[in-house]
Amino acid sequence: MEAAEALRLGRLGILFRHILPNVISPIVIQTAVCLSYGILIESALSYLGVGVQPPTPSWGTILLNEGKEFLTLAPWVSLYPGAFIMLAVLALNVLGDGLRDALDPRAEMR
């Protein structure tokens, strides 16, 4: 900070040149992880019956209401929402990891 101030960079110059590039990567990772946790928590609460109520669609509600009744006759009714929950969480984690690699200012050029 002292070196940047010695070069007479303004506050915005210091912010955009030195601070923001080093803060973007953790923010992107934290956002992806929080969205993944949000999906898991919402689907778990809906599965337990304390989340969103039936007219509102939710993967947890589908697992609870339709999945239990038809598990022996049609197991895909439970497998599809569970697989989509897993794929959504995995996709968010992979997206966050890829964005972290792309936005990391200290990353090596390969």
PDB file of N, CA and C in Angstrom:
ATOM      1  N   MET A   1       0.821  -1.180   0.000  1.00  0.00           N
ATOM      2  CA  MET A   1       0.000   0.000   0.000  1.00  0.00           C
ATOM      3  C   MET A   1       0.874   1.256   0.000  1.00  0.00           C
ATOM      4  N   GLU A   2       1.944   1.216   0.767  1.00  0.00           N
ATOM      5  CA  GLU A   2       2.811   2.391   0.817  1.00  0.00           C
ATOM      6  C   GLU A   2       3.474   2.642  -0.524  1.00  0.00           C
ATOM      7  N   ALA A   3       3.865   1.562  -1.224  1.00  0.00           N
ATOM      8  CA  ALA A   3       4.484   1.725  -2.531  1.00  0.00           C
ATOM      9  C   ALA A   3       3.490   2.291  -3.537  1.00  0.00           C
ATOM     10  N   ALA A   4       2.254   1.828  -3.477  1.00  0.00           N
ATOM     11  CA  ALA A   4       1.233   2.341  -4.391  1.00  0.00           C
ATOM     12  C   ALA A   4       0.932   3.805  -4.089  1.00  0.00           C
ATOM     13  N   GLU A   5       0.906   4.157  -2.829  1.00  0.00           N
ATOM     14  CA  GLU A   5       0.690   5.558  -2.475  1.00  0.00           C
ATOM     15  C   GLU A   5       1.877   6.415  -2.882  1.00  0.00           C
ATOM     16  N   ALA A   6       3.102   5.836  -2.824  1.00  0.00           N
ATOM     17  CA  ALA A   6       4.290   6.578  -3.250  1.00  0.00           C
ATOM     18  C   ALA A   6       4.257   6.843  -4.751  1.00  0.00           C
ATOM     19  N   LEU A   7       3.627   5.960  -5.501  1.00  0.00           N
ATOM     20  CA  LEU A   7       3.478   6.153  -6.944  1.00  0.00           C
ATOM     21  C   LEU A   7       2.316   7.075  -7.275  1.00  0.00           C
ATOM     22  N   ARG A   8       1.681   7.613  -6.251  1.00  0.00           N
ATOM     23  CA  ARG A   8       0.563   8.547  -6.368  1.00  0.00           C
ATOM     24  C   ARG A   8      -0.655   7.940  -7.071  1.00  0.00           C
ATOM     25  N   LEU A   9      -0.900   6.658  -6.788  1.00  0.00           N
ATOM     26  CA  LEU A   9      -2.138   6.052  -7.263  1.00  0.00           C
ATOM     27  C   LEU A   9      -3.253   6.483  -6.322  1.00  0.00           C
ATOM     28  N   GLY A  10      -4.409   6.773  -6.873  1.00  0.00           N
ATOM     29  CA  GLY A  10      -5.548   7.137  -6.045  1.00  0.00           C
ATOM     30  C   GLY A  10      -6.145   5.909  -5.379  1.00  0.00           C
ATOM     31  N   ARG A  11      -7.136   6.142  -4.567  1.00  0.00           N
ATOM     32  CA  ARG A  11      -7.779   5.027  -3.877  1.00  0.00           C
ATOM     33  C   ARG A  11      -8.410   4.037  -4.849  1.00  0.00           C
ATOM     34  N   LEU A  12      -9.045   4.547  -5.893  1.00  0.00           N
ATOM     35  CA  LEU A  12      -9.639   3.643  -6.890  1.00  0.00           C
ATOM     36  C   LEU A  12      -8.566   2.882  -7.653  1.00  0.00           C
ATOM     37  N   GLY A  13      -7.464   3.530  -7.951  1.00  0.00           N
ATOM     38  CA  GLY A  13      -6.362   2.844  -8.629  1.00  0.00           C
ATOM     39  C   GLY A  13      -5.797   1.722  -7.790  1.00  0.00           C
ATOM     40  N   ILE A  14      -5.612   1.974  -6.507  1.00  0.00           N
ATOM     41  CA  ILE A  14      -5.129   0.935  -5.588  1.00  0.00           C
ATOM     42  C   ILE A  14      -6.154  -0.191  -5.496  1.00  0.00           C
ATOM     43  N   LEU A  15      -7.416   0.192  -5.395  1.00  0.00           N
ATOM     44  CA  LEU A  15      -8.473  -0.807  -5.283  1.00  0.00           C
ATOM     45  C   LEU A  15      -8.524  -1.720  -6.498  1.00  0.00           C
ATOM     46  N   PHE A  16      -8.555  -1.128  -7.707  1.00  0.00           N
ATOM     47  CA  PHE A  16      -8.717  -1.932  -8.923  1.00  0.00           C
ATOM     48  C   PHE A  16      -7.441  -2.640  -9.346  1.00  0.00           C
ATOM     49  N   ARG A  17      -6.294  -2.119  -9.011  1.00  0.00           N
ATOM     50  CA  ARG A  17      -5.045  -2.721  -9.466  1.00  0.00           C
ATOM     51  C   ARG A  17      -4.492  -3.740  -8.484  1.00  0.00           C
ATOM     52  N   HIS A  18      -4.670  -3.520  -7.188  1.00  0.00           N
ATOM     53  CA  HIS A  18      -3.998  -4.372  -6.214  1.00  0.00           C
ATOM     54  C   HIS A  18      -4.942  -5.191  -5.344  1.00  0.00           C
ATOM     55  N   ILE A  19      -6.020  -4.601  -4.899  1.00  0.00           N
ATOM     56  CA  ILE A  19      -6.887  -5.301  -3.946  1.00  0.00           C
ATOM     57  C   ILE A  19      -7.896  -6.191  -4.654  1.00  0.00           C
ATOM     58  N   LEU A  20      -8.611  -5.660  -5.624  1.00  0.00           N
ATOM     59  CA  LEU A  20      -9.679  -6.401  -6.285  1.00  0.00           C
ATOM     60  C   LEU A  20      -9.212  -7.699  -6.954  1.00  0.00           C
ATOM     61  N   PRO A  21      -8.088  -7.718  -7.678  1.00  0.00           N
ATOM     62  CA  PRO A  21      -7.660  -9.000  -8.278  1.00  0.00           C
ATOM     63  C   PRO A  21      -7.360 -10.091  -7.253  1.00  0.00           C
ATOM     64  N   ASN A  22      -6.961  -9.703  -6.056  1.00  0.00           N
ATOM     65  CA  ASN A  22      -6.660 -10.702  -5.030  1.00  0.00           C
ATOM     66  C   ASN A  22      -7.881 -11.106  -4.221  1.00  0.00           C
ATOM     67  N   VAL A  23      -8.969 -10.369  -4.349  1.00  0.00           N
ATOM     68  CA  VAL A  23     -10.180 -10.669  -3.589  1.00  0.00           C
ATOM     69  C   VAL A  23     -11.207 -11.427  -4.435  1.00  0.00           C
ATOM     70  N   ILE A  24     -11.155 -11.291  -5.737  1.00  0.00           N
ATOM     71  CA  ILE A  24     -12.144 -11.912  -6.628  1.00  0.00           C
ATOM     72  C   ILE A  24     -12.161 -13.431  -6.486  1.00  0.00           C
ATOM     73  N   SER A  25     -11.008 -14.064  -6.452  1.00  0.00           N
ATOM     74  CA  SER A  25     -10.937 -15.520  -6.402  1.00  0.00           C
ATOM     75  C   SER A  25     -11.617 -16.093  -5.160  1.00  0.00           C
ATOM     76  N   PRO A  26     -11.316 -15.621  -3.948  1.00  0.00           N
ATOM     77  CA  PRO A  26     -12.029 -16.163  -2.782  1.00  0.00           C
ATOM     78  C   PRO A  26     -13.527 -15.879  -2.797  1.00  0.00           C
ATOM     79  N   ILE A  27     -13.930 -14.739  -3.344  1.00  0.00           N
ATOM     80  CA  ILE A  27     -15.358 -14.415  -3.403  1.00  0.00           C
ATOM     81  C   ILE A  27     -16.082 -15.375  -4.342  1.00  0.00           C
ATOM     82  N   VAL A  28     -15.486 -15.688  -5.483  1.00  0.00           N
ATOM     83  CA  VAL A  28     -16.095 -16.617  -6.434  1.00  0.00           C
ATOM     84  C   VAL A  28     -16.222 -18.005  -5.818  1.00  0.00           C
ATOM     85  N   ILE A  29     -15.179 -18.465  -5.143  1.00  0.00           N
ATOM     86  CA  ILE A  29     -15.213 -19.780  -4.515  1.00  0.00           C
ATOM     87  C   ILE A  29     -16.283 -19.819  -3.428  1.00  0.00           C
ATOM     88  N   GLN A  30     -16.306 -18.786  -2.591  1.00  0.00           N
ATOM     89  CA  GLN A  30     -17.284 -18.744  -1.503  1.00  0.00           C
ATOM     90  C   GLN A  30     -18.710 -18.709  -2.037  1.00  0.00           C
ATOM     91  N   THR A  31     -18.931 -17.984  -3.117  1.00  0.00           N
ATOM     92  CA  THR A  31     -20.262 -17.924  -3.716  1.00  0.00           C
ATOM     93  C   THR A  31     -20.700 -19.287  -4.237  1.00  0.00           C
ATOM     94  N   ALA A  32     -19.801 -19.988  -4.939  1.00  0.00           N
ATOM     95  CA  ALA A  32     -20.138 -21.315  -5.462  1.00  0.00           C
ATOM     96  C   ALA A  32     -20.426 -22.295  -4.339  1.00  0.00           C
ATOM     97  N   VAL A  33     -19.621 -22.250  -3.279  1.00  0.00           N
ATOM     98  CA  VAL A  33     -19.828 -23.166  -2.152  1.00  0.00           C
ATOM     99  C   VAL A  33     -21.143 -22.848  -1.435  1.00  0.00           C
ATOM    100  N   CYS A  34     -21.431 -21.567  -1.240  1.00  0.00           N
ATOM    101  CA  CYS A  34     -22.674 -21.185  -0.563  1.00  0.00           C
ATOM    102  C   CYS A  34     -23.903 -21.570  -1.391  1.00  0.00           C
ATOM    103  N   LEU A  35     -23.838 -21.421  -2.712  1.00  0.00           N
ATOM    104  CA  LEU A  35     -24.957 -21.848  -3.555  1.00  0.00           C
ATOM    105  C   LEU A  35     -25.155 -23.361  -3.479  1.00  0.00           C
ATOM    106  N   SER A  36     -24.054 -24.107  -3.451  1.00  0.00           N
ATOM    107  CA  SER A  36     -24.155 -25.562  -3.321  1.00  0.00           C
ATOM    108  C   SER A  36     -24.792 -25.944  -2.000  1.00  0.00           C
ATOM    109  N   TYR A  37     -24.327 -25.315  -0.918  1.00  0.00           N
ATOM    110  CA  TYR A  37     -24.920 -25.587   0.393  1.00  0.00           C
ATOM    111  C   TYR A  37     -26.393 -25.192   0.412  1.00  0.00           C
ATOM    112  N   GLY A  38     -26.724 -24.102  -0.237  1.00  0.00           N
ATOM    113  CA  GLY A  38     -28.121 -23.664  -0.292  1.00  0.00           C
ATOM    114  C   GLY A  38     -29.011 -24.689  -0.963  1.00  0.00           C
ATOM    115  N   ILE A  39     -28.540 -25.249  -2.056  1.00  0.00           N
ATOM    116  CA  ILE A  39     -29.313 -26.284  -2.751  1.00  0.00           C
ATOM    117  C   ILE A  39     -29.484 -27.510  -1.863  1.00  0.00           C
ATOM    118  N   LEU A  40     -28.399 -27.929  -1.216  1.00  0.00           N
ATOM    119  CA  LEU A  40     -28.478 -29.100  -0.350  1.00  0.00           C
ATOM    120  C   LEU A  40     -29.384 -28.866   0.853  1.00  0.00           C
ATOM    121  N   ILE A  41     -29.288 -27.706   1.470  1.00  0.00           N
ATOM    122  CA  ILE A  41     -30.115 -27.415   2.639  1.00  0.00           C
ATOM    123  C   ILE A  41     -31.584 -27.312   2.256  1.00  0.00           C
ATOM    124  N   GLU A  42     -31.864 -26.626   1.142  1.00  0.00           N
ATOM    125  CA  GLU A  42     -33.264 -26.488   0.714  1.00  0.00           C
ATOM    126  C   GLU A  42     -33.869 -27.842   0.385  1.00  0.00           C
ATOM    127  N   SER A  43     -33.138 -28.682  -0.319  1.00  0.00           N
ATOM    128  CA  SER A  43     -33.694 -29.986  -0.673  1.00  0.00           C
ATOM    129  C   SER A  43     -33.830 -30.880   0.562  1.00  0.00           C
ATOM    130  N   ALA A  44     -32.901 -30.774   1.504  1.00  0.00           N
ATOM    131  CA  ALA A  44     -33.013 -31.580   2.724  1.00  0.00           C
ATOM    132  C   ALA A  44     -34.195 -31.125   3.566  1.00  0.00           C
ATOM    133  N   LEU A  45     -34.370 -29.813   3.713  1.00  0.00           N
ATOM    134  CA  LEU A  45     -35.510 -29.318   4.491  1.00  0.00           C
ATOM    135  C   LEU A  45     -36.837 -29.654   3.812  1.00  0.00           C
ATOM    136  N   SER A  46     -36.879 -29.569   2.497  1.00  0.00           N
ATOM    137  CA  SER A  46     -38.105 -29.936   1.782  1.00  0.00           C
ATOM    138  C   SER A  46     -38.388 -31.426   1.915  1.00  0.00           C
ATOM    139  N   TYR A  47     -37.347 -32.237   1.908  1.00  0.00           N
ATOM    140  CA  TYR A  47     -37.527 -33.672   2.082  1.00  0.00           C
ATOM    141  C   TYR A  47     -38.077 -33.994   3.467  1.00  0.00           C
ATOM    142  N   LEU A  48     -37.623 -33.242   4.475  1.00  0.00           N
ATOM    143  CA  LEU A  48     -38.108 -33.456   5.838  1.00  0.00           C
ATOM    144  C   LEU A  48     -39.500 -32.886   6.065  1.00  0.00           C
ATOM    145  N   GLY A  49     -39.985 -32.077   5.111  1.00  0.00           N
ATOM    146  CA  GLY A  49     -41.325 -31.534   5.213  1.00  0.00           C
ATOM    147  C   GLY A  49     -41.395 -30.148   5.818  1.00  0.00           C
ATOM    148  N   VAL A  50     -40.263 -29.520   6.110  1.00  0.00           N
ATOM    149  CA  VAL A  50     -40.278 -28.185   6.712  1.00  0.00           C
ATOM    150  C   VAL A  50     -39.783 -27.117   5.731  1.00  0.00           C
ATOM    151  N   GLY A  51     -39.556 -27.491   4.502  1.00  0.00           N
ATOM    152  CA  GLY A  51     -39.111 -26.536   3.487  1.00  0.00           C
ATOM    153  C   GLY A  51     -40.293 -25.926   2.768  1.00  0.00           C
ATOM    154  N   VAL A  52     -40.154 -25.721   1.473  1.00  0.00           N
ATOM    155  CA  VAL A  52     -41.249 -25.157   0.686  1.00  0.00           C
ATOM    156  C   VAL A  52     -42.395 -26.166   0.628  1.00  0.00           C
ATOM    157  N   GLN A  53     -43.591 -25.654   0.529  1.00  0.00           N
ATOM    158  CA  GLN A  53     -44.762 -26.517   0.556  1.00  0.00           C
ATOM    159  C   GLN A  53     -45.185 -26.923  -0.859  1.00  0.00           C
ATOM    160  N   PRO A  54     -45.947 -28.004  -1.020  1.00  0.00           N
ATOM    161  CA  PRO A  54     -46.206 -28.674  -2.284  1.00  0.00           C
ATOM    162  C   PRO A  54     -46.584 -27.889  -3.526  1.00  0.00           C
ATOM    163  N   PRO A  55     -47.301 -26.813  -3.534  1.00  0.00           N
ATOM    164  CA  PRO A  55     -47.508 -26.218  -4.852  1.00  0.00           C
ATOM    165  C   PRO A  55     -46.205 -25.669  -5.458  1.00  0.00           C
ATOM    166  N   THR A  56     -45.250 -25.321  -4.614  1.00  0.00           N
ATOM    167  CA  THR A  56     -43.959 -24.832  -5.101  1.00  0.00           C
ATOM    168  C   THR A  56     -43.070 -26.029  -5.403  1.00  0.00           C
ATOM    169  N   PRO A  57     -42.514 -26.106  -6.614  1.00  0.00           N
ATOM    170  CA  PRO A  57     -41.683 -27.263  -6.957  1.00  0.00           C
ATOM    171  C   PRO A  57     -40.339 -27.235  -6.230  1.00  0.00           C
ATOM    172  N   SER A  58     -39.922 -28.398  -5.781  1.00  0.00           N
ATOM    173  CA  SER A  58     -38.636 -28.549  -5.113  1.00  0.00           C
ATOM    174  C   SER A  58     -38.194 -29.997  -5.273  1.00  0.00           C
ATOM    175  N   TRP A  59     -36.915 -30.207  -5.466  1.00  0.00           N
ATOM    176  CA  TRP A  59     -36.423 -31.575  -5.616  1.00  0.00           C
ATOM    177  C   TRP A  59     -36.626 -32.367  -4.338  1.00  0.00           C
ATOM    178  N   GLY A  60     -36.479 -31.731  -3.182  1.00  0.00           N
ATOM    179  CA  GLY A  60     -36.710 -32.429  -1.916  1.00  0.00           C
ATOM    180  C   GLY A  60     -38.157 -32.831  -1.742  1.00  0.00           C
ATOM    181  N   THR A  61     -39.080 -31.953  -2.169  1.00  0.00           N
ATOM    182  CA  THR A  61     -40.505 -32.271  -2.085  1.00  0.00           C
ATOM    183  C   THR A  61     -40.857 -33.420  -3.023  1.00  0.00           C
ATOM    184  N   ILE A  62     -40.254 -33.432  -4.192  1.00  0.00           N
ATOM    185  CA  ILE A  62     -40.506 -34.532  -5.129  1.00  0.00           C
ATOM    186  C   ILE A  62     -40.015 -35.848  -4.531  1.00  0.00           C
ATOM    187  N   LEU A  63     -38.848 -35.818  -3.890  1.00  0.00           N
ATOM    188  CA  LEU A  63     -38.346 -37.028  -3.243  1.00  0.00           C
ATOM    189  C   LEU A  63     -39.275 -37.481  -2.130  1.00  0.00           C
ATOM    190  N   LEU A  64     -39.822 -36.541  -1.378  1.00  0.00           N
ATOM    191  CA  LEU A  64     -40.685 -36.886  -0.248  1.00  0.00           C
ATOM    192  C   LEU A  64     -42.044 -37.398  -0.697  1.00  0.00           C
ATOM    193  N   ASN A  65     -42.744 -36.603  -1.492  1.00  0.00           N
ATOM    194  CA  ASN A  65     -44.137 -36.929  -1.828  1.00  0.00           C
ATOM    195  C   ASN A  65     -44.249 -38.054  -2.851  1.00  0.00           C
ATOM    196  N   GLU A  66     -43.642 -37.871  -3.997  1.00  0.00           N
ATOM    197  CA  GLU A  66     -43.816 -38.849  -5.059  1.00  0.00           C
ATOM    198  C   GLU A  66     -42.853 -40.029  -4.933  1.00  0.00           C
ATOM    199  N   GLY A  67     -41.658 -39.764  -4.432  1.00  0.00           N
ATOM    200  CA  GLY A  67     -40.629 -40.799  -4.406  1.00  0.00           C
ATOM    201  C   GLY A  67     -40.930 -41.947  -3.473  1.00  0.00           C
ATOM    202  N   LYS A  68     -41.460 -41.660  -2.292  1.00  0.00           N
ATOM    203  CA  LYS A  68     -41.728 -42.732  -1.330  1.00  0.00           C
ATOM    204  C   LYS A  68     -42.829 -43.668  -1.806  1.00  0.00           C
ATOM    205  N   GLU A  69     -43.852 -43.103  -2.433  1.00  0.00           N
ATOM    206  CA  GLU A  69     -44.994 -43.914  -2.852  1.00  0.00           C
ATOM    207  C   GLU A  69     -44.645 -44.896  -3.970  1.00  0.00           C
ATOM    208  N   PHE A  70     -43.800 -44.465  -4.895  1.00  0.00           N
ATOM    209  CA  PHE A  70     -43.542 -45.270  -6.080  1.00  0.00           C
ATOM    210  C   PHE A  70     -42.133 -45.870  -6.104  1.00  0.00           C
ATOM    211  N   LEU A  71     -41.482 -45.971  -4.951  1.00  0.00           N
ATOM    212  CA  LEU A  71     -40.099 -46.439  -4.926  1.00  0.00           C
ATOM    213  C   LEU A  71     -39.956 -47.869  -5.432  1.00  0.00           C
ATOM    214  N   THR A  72     -40.893 -48.731  -5.109  1.00  0.00           N
ATOM    215  CA  THR A  72     -40.788 -50.120  -5.562  1.00  0.00           C
ATOM    216  C   THR A  72     -41.259 -50.279  -7.005  1.00  0.00           C
ATOM    217  N   LEU A  73     -42.252 -49.495  -7.417  1.00  0.00           N
ATOM    218  CA  LEU A  73     -42.787 -49.639  -8.773  1.00  0.00           C
ATOM    219  C   LEU A  73     -41.982 -48.852  -9.806  1.00  0.00           C
ATOM    220  N   ALA A  74     -41.607 -47.641  -9.468  1.00  0.00           N
ATOM    221  CA  ALA A  74     -40.894 -46.771 -10.406  1.00  0.00           C
ATOM    222  C   ALA A  74     -39.764 -46.038  -9.674  1.00  0.00           C
ATOM    223  N   PRO A  75     -38.606 -46.667  -9.534  1.00  0.00           N
ATOM    224  CA  PRO A  75     -37.533 -46.058  -8.752  1.00  0.00           C
ATOM    225  C   PRO A  75     -36.968 -44.782  -9.379  1.00  0.00           C
ATOM    226  N   TRP A  76     -37.179 -44.572 -10.678  1.00  0.00           N
ATOM    227  CA  TRP A  76     -36.650 -43.368 -11.317  1.00  0.00           C
ATOM    228  C   TRP A  76     -37.312 -42.095 -10.791  1.00  0.00           C
ATOM    229  N   VAL A  77     -38.500 -42.222 -10.191  1.00  0.00           N
ATOM    230  CA  VAL A  77     -39.174 -41.057  -9.624  1.00  0.00           C
ATOM    231  C   VAL A  77     -38.324 -40.472  -8.494  1.00  0.00           C
ATOM    232  N   SER A  78     -37.604 -41.315  -7.765  1.00  0.00           N
ATOM    233  CA  SER A  78     -36.700 -40.836  -6.720  1.00  0.00           C
ATOM    234  C   SER A  78     -35.287 -40.627  -7.237  1.00  0.00           C
ATOM    235  N   LEU A  79     -34.887 -41.403  -8.206  1.00  0.00           N
ATOM    236  CA  LEU A  79     -33.504 -41.307  -8.690  1.00  0.00           C
ATOM    237  C   LEU A  79     -33.249 -40.014  -9.456  1.00  0.00           C
ATOM    238  N   TYR A  80     -34.188 -39.555 -10.259  1.00  0.00           N
ATOM    239  CA  TYR A  80     -33.967 -38.352 -11.050  1.00  0.00           C
ATOM    240  C   TYR A  80     -33.791 -37.098 -10.199  1.00  0.00           C
ATOM    241  N   PRO A  81     -34.677 -36.822  -9.230  1.00  0.00           N
ATOM    242  CA  PRO A  81     -34.435 -35.628  -8.406  1.00  0.00           C
ATOM    243  C   PRO A  81     -33.132 -35.724  -7.609  1.00  0.00           C
ATOM    244  N   GLY A  82     -32.811 -36.901  -7.085  1.00  0.00           N
ATOM    245  CA  GLY A  82     -31.554 -37.081  -6.359  1.00  0.00           C
ATOM    246  C   GLY A  82     -30.349 -36.870  -7.258  1.00  0.00           C
ATOM    247  N   ALA A  83     -30.437 -37.381  -8.487  1.00  0.00           N
ATOM    248  CA  ALA A  83     -29.336 -37.197  -9.433  1.00  0.00           C
ATOM    249  C   ALA A  83     -29.196 -35.736  -9.838  1.00  0.00           C
ATOM    250  N   PHE A  84     -30.310 -35.033  -9.998  1.00  0.00           N
ATOM    251  CA  PHE A  84     -30.238 -33.619 -10.364  1.00  0.00           C
ATOM    252  C   PHE A  84     -29.691 -32.765  -9.225  1.00  0.00           C
ATOM    253  N   ILE A  85     -30.017 -33.131  -7.992  1.00  0.00           N
ATOM    254  CA  ILE A  85     -29.419 -32.425  -6.848  1.00  0.00           C
ATOM    255  C   ILE A  85     -27.909 -32.620  -6.872  1.00  0.00           C
ATOM    256  N   MET A  86     -27.473 -33.853  -7.061  1.00  0.00           N
ATOM    257  CA  MET A  86     -26.044 -34.150  -7.097  1.00  0.00           C
ATOM    258  C   MET A  86     -25.359 -33.429  -8.254  1.00  0.00           C
ATOM    259  N   LEU A  87     -25.969 -33.442  -9.430  1.00  0.00           N
ATOM    260  CA  LEU A  87     -25.366 -32.786 -10.593  1.00  0.00           C
ATOM    261  C   LEU A  87     -25.315 -31.271 -10.440  1.00  0.00           C
ATOM    262  N   ALA A  88     -26.340 -30.678  -9.844  1.00  0.00           N
ATOM    263  CA  ALA A  88     -26.344 -29.226  -9.642  1.00  0.00           C
ATOM    264  C   ALA A  88     -25.239 -28.809  -8.677  1.00  0.00           C
ATOM    265  N   VAL A  89     -25.085 -29.542  -7.587  1.00  0.00           N
ATOM    266  CA  VAL A  89     -24.037 -29.227  -6.613  1.00  0.00           C
ATOM    267  C   VAL A  89     -22.657 -29.446  -7.228  1.00  0.00           C
ATOM    268  N   LEU A  90     -22.495 -30.536  -7.951  1.00  0.00           N
ATOM    269  CA  LEU A  90     -21.216 -30.805  -8.601  1.00  0.00           C
ATOM    270  C   LEU A  90     -20.890 -29.747  -9.651  1.00  0.00           C
ATOM    271  N   ALA A  91     -21.888 -29.347 -10.437  1.00  0.00           N
ATOM    272  CA  ALA A  91     -21.665 -28.332 -11.468  1.00  0.00           C
ATOM    273  C   ALA A  91     -21.270 -26.998 -10.852  1.00  0.00           C
ATOM    274  N   LEU A  92     -21.899 -26.608  -9.755  1.00  0.00           N
ATOM    275  CA  LEU A  92     -21.528 -25.355  -9.097  1.00  0.00           C
ATOM    276  C   LEU A  92     -20.114 -25.413  -8.544  1.00  0.00           C
ATOM    277  N   ASN A  93     -19.729 -26.552  -7.977  1.00  0.00           N
ATOM    278  CA  ASN A  93     -18.375 -26.678  -7.455  1.00  0.00           C
ATOM    279  C   ASN A  93     -17.331 -26.657  -8.566  1.00  0.00           C
ATOM    280  N   VAL A  94     -17.607 -27.340  -9.667  1.00  0.00           N
ATOM    281  CA  VAL A  94     -16.674 -27.341 -10.793  1.00  0.00           C
ATOM    282  C   VAL A  94     -16.595 -25.949 -11.429  1.00  0.00           C
ATOM    283  N   LEU A  95     -17.739 -25.268 -11.550  1.00  0.00           N
ATOM    284  CA  LEU A  95     -17.746 -23.910 -12.085  1.00  0.00           C
ATOM    285  C   LEU A  95     -16.941 -22.972 -11.193  1.00  0.00           C
ATOM    286  N   GLY A  96     -17.132 -23.056  -9.893  1.00  0.00           N
ATOM    287  CA  GLY A  96     -16.372 -22.217  -8.970  1.00  0.00           C
ATOM    288  C   GLY A  96     -14.886 -22.497  -9.038  1.00  0.00           C
ATOM    289  N   ASP A  97     -14.519 -23.769  -9.153  1.00  0.00           N
ATOM    290  CA  ASP A  97     -13.102 -24.131  -9.261  1.00  0.00           C
ATOM    291  C   ASP A  97     -12.502 -23.630 -10.569  1.00  0.00           C
ATOM    292  N   GLY A  98     -13.251 -23.758 -11.650  1.00  0.00           N
ATOM    293  CA  GLY A  98     -12.755 -23.264 -12.941  1.00  0.00           C
ATOM    294  C   GLY A  98     -12.607 -21.749 -12.969  1.00  0.00           C
ATOM    295  N   LEU A  99     -13.581 -21.053 -12.400  1.00  0.00           N
ATOM    296  CA  LEU A  99     -13.479 -19.595 -12.334  1.00  0.00           C
ATOM    297  C   LEU A  99     -12.327 -19.157 -11.427  1.00  0.00           C
ATOM    298  N   ARG A 100     -12.098 -19.899 -10.354  1.00  0.00           N
ATOM    299  CA  ARG A 100     -10.968 -19.569  -9.485  1.00  0.00           C
ATOM    300  C   ARG A 100      -9.656 -19.707 -10.239  1.00  0.00           C
ATOM    301  N   ASP A 101      -9.527 -20.786 -11.010  1.00  0.00           N
ATOM    302  CA  ASP A 101      -8.311 -20.970 -11.793  1.00  0.00           C
ATOM    303  C   ASP A 101      -8.149 -19.873 -12.840  1.00  0.00           C
ATOM    304  N   ALA A 102      -9.246 -19.460 -13.444  1.00  0.00           N
ATOM    305  CA  ALA A 102      -9.178 -18.435 -14.487  1.00  0.00           C
ATOM    306  C   ALA A 102      -8.912 -17.046 -13.912  1.00  0.00           C
ATOM    307  N   LEU A 103      -9.406 -16.757 -12.730  1.00  0.00           N
ATOM    308  CA  LEU A 103      -9.296 -15.420 -12.165  1.00  0.00           C
ATOM    309  C   LEU A 103      -8.130 -15.258 -11.190  1.00  0.00           C
ATOM    310  N   ASP A 104      -7.391 -16.324 -10.899  1.00  0.00           N
ATOM    311  CA  ASP A 104      -6.309 -16.232  -9.927  1.00  0.00           C
ATOM    312  C   ASP A 104      -5.157 -15.419 -10.512  1.00  0.00           C
ATOM    313  N   PRO A 105      -4.805 -14.294  -9.895  1.00  0.00           N
ATOM    314  CA  PRO A 105      -3.740 -13.464 -10.448  1.00  0.00           C
ATOM    315  C   PRO A 105      -2.354 -14.073 -10.283  1.00  0.00           C
ATOM    316  N   ARG A 106      -2.203 -14.996  -9.345  1.00  0.00           N
ATOM    317  CA  ARG A 106      -0.901 -15.614  -9.110  1.00  0.00           C
ATOM    318  C   ARG A 106      -0.725 -16.941  -9.839  1.00  0.00           C
ATOM    319  N   ALA A 107      -1.668 -17.293 -10.698  1.00  0.00           N
ATOM    320  CA  ALA A 107      -1.606 -18.573 -11.399  1.00  0.00           C
ATOM    321  C   ALA A 107      -0.493 -18.534 -12.446  1.00  0.00           C
ATOM    322  N   GLU A 108       0.118 -19.696 -12.616  1.00  0.00           N
ATOM    323  CA  GLU A 108       1.172 -19.816 -13.618  1.00  0.00           C
ATOM    324  C   GLU A 108       0.539 -19.880 -15.015  1.00  0.00           C
ATOM    325  N   MET A 109       1.191 -19.297 -15.966  1.00  0.00           N
ATOM    326  CA  MET A 109       0.754 -19.419 -17.365  1.00  0.00           C
ATOM    327  C   MET A 109       1.282 -20.727 -17.911  1.00  0.00           C
ATOM    328  N   ARG A 110       0.390 -21.563 -18.377  1.00  0.00           N
ATOM    329  CA  ARG A 110       0.801 -22.874 -18.903  1.00  0.00           C
ATOM    330  C   ARG A 110       0.639 -22.917 -20.378  1.00  0.00           C
TER     331      ARG A 110
END
